[in-house]
Protein backbone atom coordinates (compact mmCIF):
# COMPACT_ATOMS: atom_id res chain seq x y z
CA MET A 1 143.27 -112.82 -218.04
CA PRO A 2 140.94 -112.22 -215.12
CA HIS A 3 139.28 -108.84 -214.74
CA THR A 4 140.99 -108.27 -211.44
CA ALA A 5 144.51 -108.68 -212.70
CA HIS A 6 146.66 -105.67 -212.21
CA ILE A 7 147.32 -103.81 -215.35
CA PRO A 8 150.46 -101.88 -215.13
CA SER A 9 150.07 -98.24 -215.85
CA HIS A 10 151.97 -96.80 -218.67
CA ARG A 11 152.02 -93.32 -216.94
CA LYS A 12 155.25 -92.31 -215.47
CA PRO A 13 155.22 -91.53 -211.69
CA ARG A 14 155.23 -87.77 -210.95
CA GLN A 15 158.41 -86.72 -209.41
CA ARG A 16 158.32 -84.05 -206.67
CA SER A 17 161.17 -81.76 -206.44
CA ALA A 18 163.25 -81.90 -203.32
CA PRO A 19 162.78 -78.21 -202.40
CA VAL A 20 158.97 -78.50 -202.42
CA VAL A 21 158.99 -81.55 -200.20
CA ALA A 22 161.34 -79.90 -197.80
CA LEU A 23 159.20 -76.71 -197.63
CA ARG A 24 156.02 -78.61 -196.89
CA ALA A 25 157.73 -80.67 -194.19
CA GLY A 26 159.03 -77.48 -192.55
CA VAL A 27 155.60 -75.79 -192.53
CA ALA A 28 153.92 -78.83 -191.06
CA GLY A 29 156.55 -79.19 -188.41
CA GLY A 30 156.22 -75.51 -187.46
CA VAL A 31 152.47 -75.72 -187.10
CA LEU A 32 152.67 -78.82 -184.93
CA SER A 33 155.37 -77.26 -182.79
CA THR A 34 153.25 -74.12 -182.24
CA ILE A 35 150.23 -76.16 -181.23
CA ALA A 36 152.31 -78.22 -178.80
CA VAL A 37 153.86 -75.13 -177.17
CA ALA A 38 150.51 -73.36 -176.87
CA GLY A 39 148.92 -76.40 -175.28
CA ALA A 40 151.74 -76.80 -172.80
CA ALA A 41 151.65 -73.10 -171.90
CA GLY A 42 147.89 -73.11 -171.43
CA THR A 43 148.12 -76.15 -169.20
CA ALA A 44 150.97 -74.75 -167.12
CA HIS A 45 149.39 -71.27 -166.42
CA ALA A 46 145.71 -72.09 -166.12
CA ASP A 47 144.20 -71.19 -162.69
CA PRO A 48 141.64 -73.44 -161.11
CA VAL A 49 138.04 -72.16 -161.30
CA THR A 50 137.18 -71.13 -157.78
CA GLU A 51 134.75 -68.13 -158.27
CA THR A 52 131.13 -68.68 -157.27
CA MET A 53 128.10 -66.39 -157.64
CA GLU A 54 126.78 -65.06 -154.36
CA MET A 55 123.06 -64.48 -153.84
CA PRO A 56 122.15 -61.14 -152.19
CA ALA A 57 121.66 -61.52 -148.47
CA PHE A 58 118.34 -60.33 -146.86
CA ASP A 59 119.19 -57.81 -144.06
CA VAL A 60 116.57 -58.71 -141.43
CA ALA A 61 117.84 -56.21 -138.82
CA SER A 62 117.69 -53.28 -141.24
CA SER A 63 114.17 -54.15 -142.36
CA LEU A 64 112.94 -54.46 -138.79
CA SER A 65 114.51 -51.10 -137.91
CA HIS A 66 112.73 -49.43 -140.84
CA VAL A 67 109.41 -50.93 -139.79
CA VAL A 68 109.92 -49.74 -136.21
CA GLU A 69 110.76 -46.20 -137.39
CA GLN A 70 107.64 -46.06 -139.53
CA SER A 71 105.50 -47.35 -136.65
CA THR A 72 107.00 -44.80 -134.25
CA ALA A 73 106.39 -41.95 -136.69
CA THR A 74 102.80 -43.06 -137.17
CA THR A 75 102.24 -43.30 -133.42
CA GLN A 76 103.69 -39.81 -132.86
CA GLN A 77 101.48 -38.34 -135.58
CA VAL A 78 98.40 -39.96 -134.05
CA ALA A 79 99.39 -38.59 -130.63
CA LEU A 80 99.84 -35.09 -132.08
CA ASP A 81 96.48 -35.28 -133.82
CA GLN A 82 94.79 -36.37 -130.59
CA GLN A 83 96.53 -33.58 -128.64
CA LEU A 84 95.42 -30.99 -131.22
CA GLN A 85 91.86 -32.29 -131.13
CA SER A 86 91.91 -32.20 -127.32
CA SER A 87 93.17 -28.60 -127.36
CA GLU A 88 90.47 -27.56 -129.83
CA GLU A 89 87.79 -29.25 -127.73
CA SER A 90 89.10 -27.56 -124.56
CA ALA A 91 89.12 -24.15 -126.26
CA ALA A 92 85.58 -24.68 -127.54
CA ALA A 93 84.42 -25.74 -124.08
CA ALA A 94 86.06 -22.70 -122.48
CA ALA A 95 84.46 -20.36 -125.03
CA SER A 96 81.07 -21.95 -124.47
CA LYS A 97 81.44 -21.64 -120.70
CA ALA A 98 82.48 -17.98 -121.01
CA ALA A 99 79.49 -17.26 -123.26
CA LYS A 100 77.14 -18.92 -120.78
CA THR A 101 78.68 -16.96 -117.90
CA ALA A 102 78.34 -13.67 -119.80
CA LYS A 103 74.75 -14.48 -120.68
CA ALA A 104 73.94 -15.35 -117.09
CA GLU A 105 75.55 -12.12 -115.88
CA ALA A 106 73.60 -10.07 -118.43
CA LEU A 107 70.36 -11.74 -117.36
CA ARG A 108 71.20 -11.15 -113.70
CA LYS A 109 71.90 -7.47 -114.34
CA ALA A 110 68.72 -7.09 -116.37
CA GLU A 111 66.71 -8.68 -113.57
CA ALA A 112 68.40 -6.41 -111.01
CA ASP A 113 67.61 -3.30 -113.09
CA LYS A 114 64.06 -4.48 -113.53
CA ALA A 115 63.69 -5.07 -109.80
CA GLU A 116 65.14 -1.62 -109.03
CA ALA A 117 62.78 0.07 -111.49
CA LYS A 118 59.82 -1.82 -110.03
CA LYS A 119 60.85 -0.83 -106.52
CA ARG A 120 61.03 2.83 -107.45
CA ALA A 121 57.73 2.64 -109.30
CA ASP A 122 56.08 1.06 -106.26
CA GLU A 123 57.55 3.73 -104.01
CA GLU A 124 56.34 6.50 -106.31
CA ARG A 125 52.90 4.94 -106.50
CA ALA A 126 52.68 4.58 -102.73
CA SER A 127 53.82 8.16 -102.21
CA ARG A 128 51.37 9.43 -104.81
CA ASP A 129 48.52 7.56 -103.17
CA ALA A 130 49.49 8.93 -99.78
CA ALA A 131 49.72 12.47 -101.15
CA ARG A 132 46.31 12.18 -102.78
CA THR A 133 44.85 10.92 -99.54
CA SER A 134 46.44 13.81 -97.68
CA LEU A 135 45.21 16.36 -100.23
CA SER A 136 41.71 14.94 -100.13
CA ALA A 137 41.65 15.16 -96.36
CA SER A 138 42.91 18.77 -96.27
CA GLY A 139 40.91 20.02 -99.25
CA GLU A 140 44.04 21.37 -101.01
CA LYS A 141 44.43 21.23 -104.76
CA ALA A 142 47.48 20.81 -106.89
CA PRO A 143 48.96 24.13 -108.05
CA SER A 144 47.79 25.52 -111.36
CA ALA A 145 48.61 28.41 -113.66
CA SER A 146 46.52 30.73 -111.47
CA ASN A 147 48.98 30.57 -108.59
CA SER A 148 52.29 30.46 -110.40
CA SER A 149 54.11 32.27 -113.17
CA THR A 150 54.75 30.49 -116.45
CA LYS A 151 57.63 32.78 -117.34
CA ALA A 152 61.07 32.67 -115.86
CA SER A 153 63.94 35.08 -116.15
CA GLY A 154 67.40 35.68 -114.68
CA SER A 155 68.73 32.84 -112.52
CA VAL A 156 65.42 31.00 -112.63
CA GLY A 157 65.41 31.19 -116.41
CA ALA A 158 68.93 29.71 -116.56
CA VAL A 159 67.83 26.80 -114.37
CA ILE A 160 64.69 26.06 -116.39
CA SER A 161 66.48 26.39 -119.75
CA PHE A 162 69.12 23.90 -118.65
CA LEU A 163 66.50 21.43 -117.44
CA LYS A 164 64.47 21.57 -120.66
CA ALA A 165 67.63 21.01 -122.69
CA GLN A 166 68.08 17.65 -120.93
CA VAL A 167 64.61 16.28 -121.77
CA GLY A 168 65.01 12.87 -123.42
CA ASP A 169 68.24 11.99 -121.59
CA ALA A 170 68.45 8.62 -119.86
CA TYR A 171 67.88 7.90 -116.20
CA VAL A 172 70.81 5.99 -114.69
CA LEU A 173 71.13 5.64 -110.94
CA GLY A 174 74.31 7.40 -109.82
CA ALA A 175 74.92 9.13 -113.17
CA THR A 176 75.86 12.83 -113.22
CA GLY A 177 75.53 13.75 -116.92
CA PRO A 178 75.98 14.97 -119.49
CA ASN A 179 73.64 12.49 -121.24
CA SER A 180 72.32 10.46 -118.31
CA TRP A 181 71.21 11.50 -114.81
CA ASP A 182 69.48 10.44 -111.68
CA CYS A 183 66.93 12.76 -110.03
CA SER A 184 69.20 14.62 -107.61
CA SER A 185 72.19 14.97 -109.97
CA LEU A 186 69.95 16.66 -112.56
CA VAL A 187 68.57 19.14 -109.97
CA ARG A 188 72.06 19.89 -108.71
CA ALA A 189 73.44 20.50 -112.23
CA ALA A 190 70.49 22.78 -113.07
CA PHE A 191 71.00 25.07 -110.05
CA ARG A 192 74.70 25.35 -110.78
CA GLN A 193 73.61 27.41 -113.81
CA ALA A 194 72.49 30.00 -111.23
CA ASN A 195 75.70 29.59 -109.19
CA ILE A 196 73.87 27.74 -106.43
CA GLU A 197 75.55 24.61 -105.06
CA LEU A 198 73.08 22.04 -103.79
CA PRO A 199 73.73 18.77 -101.90
CA ARG A 200 74.16 15.68 -104.05
CA ILE A 201 71.37 13.44 -102.72
CA ALA A 202 67.59 13.95 -102.64
CA ALA A 203 67.29 13.65 -98.85
CA ASP A 204 69.67 16.60 -98.32
CA GLN A 205 68.14 18.66 -101.14
CA SER A 206 64.76 18.45 -99.40
CA ARG A 207 66.30 20.44 -96.50
CA ALA A 208 67.87 23.15 -98.70
CA GLY A 209 66.40 26.69 -98.83
CA THR A 210 63.04 27.71 -97.44
CA GLU A 211 60.13 25.31 -97.04
CA VAL A 212 57.07 26.36 -99.06
CA GLY A 213 53.67 24.78 -99.34
CA THR A 214 52.76 22.79 -102.42
CA GLY A 215 49.78 25.11 -102.86
CA ASN A 216 51.99 28.18 -103.31
CA LEU A 217 54.61 27.06 -105.78
CA LYS A 218 56.73 29.28 -108.02
CA VAL A 219 58.79 28.38 -111.08
CA GLY A 220 62.16 27.06 -109.95
CA ASP A 221 61.00 25.59 -106.64
CA ILE A 222 62.51 22.20 -105.78
CA LEU A 223 59.88 19.50 -105.27
CA TYR A 224 60.52 16.43 -103.15
CA TRP A 225 58.77 13.13 -102.52
CA GLY A 226 59.02 11.42 -99.16
CA SER A 227 59.46 13.08 -95.81
CA LYS A 228 61.56 16.22 -95.39
CA GLY A 229 65.19 15.24 -94.76
CA ASN A 230 64.39 11.70 -95.86
CA ALA A 231 63.14 12.30 -99.41
CA TYR A 232 63.75 9.64 -102.06
CA HIS A 233 63.08 11.80 -105.15
CA THR A 234 63.37 15.43 -106.28
CA GLY A 235 62.36 17.51 -109.31
CA VAL A 236 61.85 21.16 -110.28
CA TYR A 237 58.55 22.98 -110.74
CA ILE A 238 58.43 24.69 -114.19
CA GLY A 239 54.95 26.27 -114.00
CA ASP A 240 51.51 25.49 -115.38
CA GLY A 241 51.11 22.65 -112.92
CA LYS A 242 54.08 20.79 -114.40
CA TYR A 243 57.46 19.67 -113.17
CA LEU A 244 60.60 18.32 -114.78
CA ASP A 245 62.63 15.44 -113.36
CA ALA A 246 64.79 12.43 -114.13
CA ALA A 247 61.91 10.09 -113.40
CA ASN A 248 63.08 6.47 -113.70
CA PRO A 249 64.90 4.09 -116.09
CA ARG A 250 61.73 3.65 -118.16
CA LYS A 251 60.88 7.34 -118.63
CA GLY A 252 64.24 9.10 -118.38
CA VAL A 253 64.21 12.92 -118.16
CA VAL A 254 60.62 14.12 -118.76
CA ILE A 255 58.08 16.87 -118.10
CA GLN A 256 55.09 15.60 -116.12
CA GLU A 257 51.81 16.83 -114.66
CA LEU A 258 52.11 17.44 -110.94
CA SER A 259 48.50 16.34 -110.52
CA GLY A 260 49.46 12.89 -111.67
CA TYR A 261 52.18 12.51 -109.06
CA PRO A 262 51.73 15.14 -106.31
CA ALA A 263 54.89 16.10 -104.42
CA THR A 264 55.15 15.76 -100.65
CA GLY A 265 56.74 19.19 -100.22
CA ALA A 266 58.83 21.92 -101.80
CA VAL A 267 61.74 24.21 -100.95
CA ARG A 268 62.73 27.51 -102.54
CA VAL A 269 66.38 28.49 -103.07
CA LEU A 270 65.94 31.28 -105.68
């Protein structure tokens, strides 16, 4: 017998029961039916794929507007800074100009005061030289203690006491006290202590009272320099060959030797 000959099996074929076969057939049929229905339903209700992804758009107009705004703001700030700097420079220039003007005015005033003082000094020197020449020609001498009293009382004492209390005050042309005087205002204020009202200016004071010679002076006599009625300076004789006056801006109110600056004349009101 060849090796390939079919040898009949002696095992009996396994018999499946009818209920088991039927159950398996039903399960398989149900599964297939479910798959078929699901496939049909999916095919019938599926929507076509139409959605696409959009890329963000670049807003050119908005970007340009932002750039313009920034540029405008920067320009305005620069303009404000330049305006502020210009204002500061203008203020500094104005202050500098004002300072220069004030300085120039101060220098001008100082020069004017200096010129006025020099003028008065020259006038006093010229008058003194003229008086010395006149005294030399006439043989007169300046008054001394031998021809005048060194003591004063009553009205004269009030005048002299007031004058000595002002020694050291400043000379200011046109001033009338209490701490600065010119020559005639000091003389006028002094004689008010004796209830005597004198004219305000030196020229008029030289015409007040009785004319006396410079060689016969008494304490309280008013001395004047220049011609009578046209005097440019006045003072008061206080005895011992001395007089008191508001001399000039350099000296102020001082006591001086009459021999150093002889008076042109004198008047007596006490």
